[in-house]
Amino acid sequence: MAETGGVNRRDFLRLGLAAGPASLIAACGWDGGALLQPRLRMVSRINDWVGEHIFQSNRRLAREYPVSARTPEQAFPAYSITFNRERHYPDPPAGWALEVGGLVRKPVRLTLPMLQAIPSVTYTVKHHCVEGWTAIATWTGVPVSAVLAMVEPLPTARYLRFDSFDSKYSNGWDLTSAAHPQTILAYARNDQPLPRTRGAPLRLYSPVKLGYKLTKYLSAMTLTAERHGGYWEDQGYPWLGGV
């Protein structure tokens, strides 16, 4: 997808909005400290308003790339809260399955074979980290919209909470972003089962969100009426986290 003239979304967010501390401080490492956190929260609120009212659209698709453009594995950073603290990547709990519930008519518990039986999406896209680096990989998984259709959200549901077994990591999403056609629950990467370094057995993925919004080691999806923050969002990072 070629860029058109003028300032695109990524350039805009790199200016006075997300080019503030939230886009320069690594969600992949440092929380900004007590002195910067109030400013981070202010920038976050501005970013969220701009993203929700101006840029957010299910019609905007991220560019796809040929498989030959994939970033070499050693050049694609991996991250986990558990790994940072304990120097190992988390193992799924015994009997792991994805719990989908909250404000829905039909809560479900989905095992990996059940998820793999749902029609999947595969794309090769660019991953964007808030630190500023990018990398390309192929992801395969189930559209979140397909799971939402399965559970039938109640009229009061406005948000989704994604929980992880990686040291209780979590994220909050709006339903519009979650229903984007490129938002998936990924169980494969580069034509192989998702490895532990990348969030196995299941992770959230979207090429129109920054990396800290893409919950790895996914354990639950919960539809809510109130907006949930998240591990980094509660420390001042933009809630929408779009690119």
Protein backbone atom coordinates (compact mmCIF):
# COMPACT_ATOMS: atom_id res chain seq x y z
CA MET A 1 0.00 0.00 0.00
CA ALA A 2 1.76 3.14 -1.20
CA GLU A 3 1.75 6.24 0.98
CA THR A 4 -0.20 9.19 -0.40
CA GLY A 5 0.88 12.79 -0.21
CA GLY A 6 0.74 14.77 3.01
CA VAL A 7 1.29 13.60 6.55
CA ASN A 8 0.36 9.98 7.10
CA ARG A 9 -0.80 8.54 10.41
CA ARG A 10 2.61 7.29 11.49
CA ASP A 11 4.24 10.65 10.73
CA PHE A 12 1.48 12.49 12.59
CA LEU A 13 1.88 10.41 15.72
CA ARG A 14 5.63 10.93 15.60
CA LEU A 15 5.13 14.70 15.80
CA GLY A 16 4.09 16.57 18.93
CA LEU A 17 1.70 13.81 20.05
CA ALA A 18 3.31 10.38 20.18
CA ALA A 19 6.70 11.93 19.51
CA GLY A 20 6.48 12.97 23.11
CA PRO A 21 7.97 10.65 25.70
CA ALA A 22 5.54 7.79 25.02
CA SER A 23 6.99 7.14 21.57
CA LEU A 24 10.60 7.58 22.63
CA ILE A 25 10.60 5.54 25.82
CA ALA A 26 10.66 1.80 25.25
CA ALA A 27 7.58 -0.10 26.30
CA CYS A 28 9.93 -2.99 25.74
CA GLY A 29 11.99 -2.01 28.76
CA TRP A 30 11.57 1.18 30.83
CA ASP A 31 8.44 2.67 32.36
CA GLY A 32 9.66 6.28 32.19
CA GLY A 33 10.05 6.83 35.92
CA ALA A 34 7.94 8.80 38.36
CA LEU A 35 8.86 12.21 36.94
CA LEU A 36 7.75 11.40 33.40
CA GLN A 37 4.66 9.36 34.16
CA PRO A 38 2.25 12.36 34.46
CA ARG A 39 3.42 13.64 31.06
CA LEU A 40 3.10 10.17 29.57
CA ARG A 41 -0.50 9.99 30.76
CA MET A 42 -1.27 13.40 29.26
CA VAL A 43 0.24 12.40 25.90
CA SER A 44 -1.65 9.11 26.08
CA ARG A 45 -5.01 10.86 26.48
CA ILE A 46 -4.28 13.11 23.47
CA ASN A 47 -3.19 10.16 21.34
CA ASP A 48 -6.27 8.18 22.26
CA TRP A 49 -8.61 11.01 21.29
CA VAL A 50 -6.86 11.58 17.95
CA GLY A 51 -6.73 7.87 17.18
CA GLU A 52 -10.35 7.20 18.08
CA HIS A 53 -11.90 10.25 16.40
CA ILE A 54 -9.64 10.81 13.38
CA PHE A 55 -7.61 7.76 12.36
CA GLN A 56 -9.37 4.64 13.58
CA SER A 57 -11.01 2.74 10.72
CA ASN A 58 -11.70 -0.87 9.87
CA ARG A 59 -11.22 0.06 6.22
CA ARG A 60 -7.54 0.88 6.66
CA LEU A 61 -5.45 -2.23 6.06
CA ALA A 62 -1.75 -2.58 6.76
CA ARG A 63 0.52 -3.24 3.81
CA GLU A 64 1.41 -6.88 3.15
CA TYR A 65 4.88 -7.99 2.03
CA PRO A 66 6.32 -10.93 0.11
CA VAL A 67 7.65 -13.82 2.20
CA SER A 68 11.12 -12.98 0.88
CA ALA A 69 10.98 -9.72 2.89
CA ARG A 70 10.86 -11.49 6.27
CA THR A 71 13.31 -10.22 8.87
CA PRO A 72 15.95 -12.80 9.91
CA GLU A 73 14.99 -14.40 13.22
CA GLN A 74 18.03 -13.09 15.08
CA ALA A 75 17.19 -9.54 14.02
CA PHE A 76 13.58 -9.67 15.31
CA PRO A 77 13.64 -8.89 19.05
CA ALA A 78 11.54 -10.97 21.45
CA TYR A 79 10.15 -9.79 24.78
CA SER A 80 8.43 -11.19 27.87
CA ILE A 81 7.87 -9.81 31.37
CA THR A 82 8.66 -13.24 32.83
CA PHE A 83 11.85 -13.50 30.78
CA ASN A 84 13.02 -10.07 31.89
CA ARG A 85 12.50 -11.00 35.53
CA GLU A 86 13.33 -14.70 35.63
CA ARG A 87 15.36 -15.31 32.43
CA HIS A 88 12.98 -17.87 30.97
CA TYR A 89 9.89 -17.70 28.80
CA PRO A 90 6.62 -18.77 30.45
CA ASP A 91 5.11 -22.22 29.93
CA PRO A 92 1.34 -22.51 29.43
CA PRO A 93 -0.56 -23.73 32.48
CA ALA A 94 -1.69 -27.35 32.50
CA GLY A 95 -4.82 -27.85 30.44
CA TRP A 96 -4.42 -24.47 28.75
CA ALA A 97 -7.37 -23.15 26.73
CA LEU A 98 -8.55 -19.67 25.80
CA GLU A 99 -11.41 -18.52 28.02
CA VAL A 100 -13.80 -16.13 26.23
CA GLY A 101 -16.52 -14.59 28.37
CA GLY A 102 -17.79 -11.50 30.12
CA LEU A 103 -20.68 -9.63 28.54
CA VAL A 104 -21.57 -12.34 26.03
CA ARG A 105 -24.49 -14.69 25.44
CA LYS A 106 -22.38 -17.77 24.78
CA PRO A 107 -19.08 -17.94 26.68
CA VAL A 108 -16.66 -20.52 25.31
CA ARG A 109 -13.45 -22.29 26.21
CA LEU A 110 -11.34 -22.81 23.10
CA THR A 111 -8.50 -25.31 22.92
CA LEU A 112 -5.78 -24.91 20.32
CA PRO A 113 -7.26 -27.62 18.02
CA MET A 114 -10.63 -25.85 18.23
CA LEU A 115 -9.04 -22.56 17.23
CA GLN A 116 -7.14 -24.20 14.39
CA ALA A 117 -10.41 -25.61 13.04
CA ILE A 118 -11.79 -22.09 12.49
CA PRO A 119 -11.05 -20.53 9.05
CA SER A 120 -7.74 -18.71 9.41
CA VAL A 121 -6.00 -15.60 8.09
CA THR A 122 -2.33 -15.51 7.02
CA TYR A 123 -0.41 -12.35 6.23
CA THR A 124 3.18 -11.12 6.02
CA VAL A 125 3.32 -7.69 7.64
CA LYS A 126 5.56 -5.20 9.39
CA HIS A 127 5.71 -5.22 13.18
CA HIS A 128 6.15 -1.82 14.88
CA CYS A 129 7.65 -1.43 18.35
CA VAL A 130 7.19 1.77 20.36
CA GLU A 131 11.01 1.87 20.61
CA GLY A 132 11.07 2.72 16.92
CA TRP A 133 12.29 -0.53 15.34
CA THR A 134 10.32 -2.53 12.78
CA ALA A 135 10.53 -6.10 11.51
CA ILE A 136 8.58 -8.29 9.07
CA ALA A 137 7.12 -11.74 9.71
CA THR A 138 4.27 -13.99 8.58
CA TRP A 139 1.45 -14.65 11.06
CA THR A 140 -1.43 -17.13 10.91
CA GLY A 141 -4.45 -17.21 13.16
CA VAL A 142 -8.15 -16.79 13.76
CA PRO A 143 -9.78 -13.39 13.24
CA VAL A 144 -10.94 -11.99 16.57
CA SER A 145 -14.14 -11.02 14.75
CA ALA A 146 -14.89 -14.72 14.18
CA VAL A 147 -14.62 -15.45 17.91
CA LEU A 148 -16.77 -12.41 18.72
CA ALA A 149 -19.46 -13.70 16.37
CA MET A 150 -19.28 -17.07 18.11
CA VAL A 151 -19.85 -15.68 21.62
CA GLU A 152 -22.47 -13.05 20.65
CA PRO A 153 -21.56 -9.90 22.62
CA LEU A 154 -24.31 -8.25 24.66
CA PRO A 155 -25.36 -4.68 23.76
CA THR A 156 -23.56 -3.39 26.85
CA ALA A 157 -20.18 -4.76 25.70
CA ARG A 158 -17.91 -1.95 24.48
CA TYR A 159 -14.40 -3.19 25.20
CA LEU A 160 -12.24 -6.31 25.27
CA ARG A 161 -9.73 -7.25 27.94
CA PHE A 162 -6.91 -9.60 26.91
CA ASP A 163 -5.13 -11.45 29.73
CA SER A 164 -1.85 -13.34 29.62
CA PHE A 165 -0.17 -15.99 31.75
CA ASP A 166 3.03 -13.94 31.34
CA SER A 167 3.22 -12.39 34.82
CA LYS A 168 -0.41 -11.20 34.60
CA TYR A 169 0.26 -9.02 31.53
CA SER A 170 -2.94 -7.57 30.07
CA ASN A 171 -4.29 -5.07 27.55
CA GLY A 172 -7.58 -3.29 26.96
CA TRP A 173 -8.96 -2.85 23.42
CA ASP A 174 -12.01 -1.18 21.93
CA LEU A 175 -14.33 -3.48 19.98
CA THR A 176 -13.77 -1.61 16.71
CA SER A 177 -10.03 -2.32 16.79
CA ALA A 178 -10.63 -5.90 17.88
CA ALA A 179 -12.99 -6.48 14.95
CA HIS A 180 -10.49 -5.11 12.40
CA PRO A 181 -10.03 -7.75 9.64
CA GLN A 182 -6.29 -7.98 10.39
CA THR A 183 -6.69 -8.48 14.15
CA ILE A 184 -6.09 -12.16 14.82
CA LEU A 185 -5.38 -14.72 17.51
CA ALA A 186 -2.11 -16.05 16.10
CA TYR A 187 -0.94 -19.62 16.62
CA ALA A 188 1.69 -19.80 13.86
CA ARG A 189 4.58 -17.64 12.73
CA ASN A 190 6.65 -17.95 9.57
CA ASP A 191 4.82 -21.16 8.63
CA GLN A 192 5.69 -22.87 11.92
CA PRO A 193 3.81 -23.28 15.21
CA LEU A 194 4.18 -20.18 17.35
CA PRO A 195 7.35 -20.58 19.47
CA ARG A 196 7.51 -19.79 23.17
CA THR A 197 9.69 -16.75 22.47
CA ARG A 198 6.80 -15.28 20.46
CA GLY A 199 3.92 -16.03 22.82
CA ALA A 200 2.96 -19.70 22.39
CA PRO A 201 0.50 -21.25 22.30
CA LEU A 202 -1.57 -18.19 21.32
CA ARG A 203 -1.08 -14.45 21.04
CA LEU A 204 -2.99 -11.42 19.89
CA TYR A 205 -1.68 -9.88 16.68
CA SER A 206 -2.48 -6.85 14.54
CA PRO A 207 -0.23 -4.92 12.13
CA VAL A 208 -2.06 -1.68 12.90
CA LYS A 209 -1.10 -1.67 16.58
CA LEU A 210 2.19 -1.13 18.40
CA GLY A 211 3.85 -4.24 19.81
CA TYR A 212 2.95 -3.65 23.47
CA LYS A 213 -0.77 -3.95 22.55
CA LEU A 214 -0.28 -7.46 21.10
CA THR A 215 -0.73 -9.64 24.18
CA LYS A 216 1.42 -12.78 24.12
CA TYR A 217 0.72 -16.02 26.04
CA LEU A 218 -2.97 -15.31 25.78
CA SER A 219 -5.21 -16.95 28.37
CA ALA A 220 -8.49 -15.00 28.33
CA MET A 221 -10.64 -12.60 26.31
CA THR A 222 -13.27 -10.80 28.36
CA LEU A 223 -15.90 -8.42 26.98
CA THR A 224 -16.56 -5.51 29.29
CA ALA A 225 -18.58 -2.30 29.58
CA GLU A 226 -15.66 -0.39 31.11
CA ARG A 227 -12.29 0.26 29.55
CA HIS A 228 -9.46 -1.83 30.99
CA GLY A 229 -6.00 -0.26 31.00
CA GLY A 230 -3.10 -2.67 30.73
CA TYR A 231 0.42 -3.42 31.91
CA TRP A 232 2.06 -0.53 30.04
CA GLU A 233 -1.05 1.58 29.55
CA ASP A 234 -1.42 1.94 33.33
CA GLN A 235 2.13 3.35 33.34
CA GLY A 236 1.22 6.08 30.86
CA TYR A 237 1.55 4.52 27.42
CA PRO A 238 -1.10 5.33 24.78
CA TRP A 239 -4.19 3.19 25.25
CA LEU A 240 -5.09 2.80 21.55
CA GLY A 241 -1.47 2.20 20.55
CA GLY A 242 -2.11 2.44 16.81
CA VAL A 243 0.39 2.88 13.97
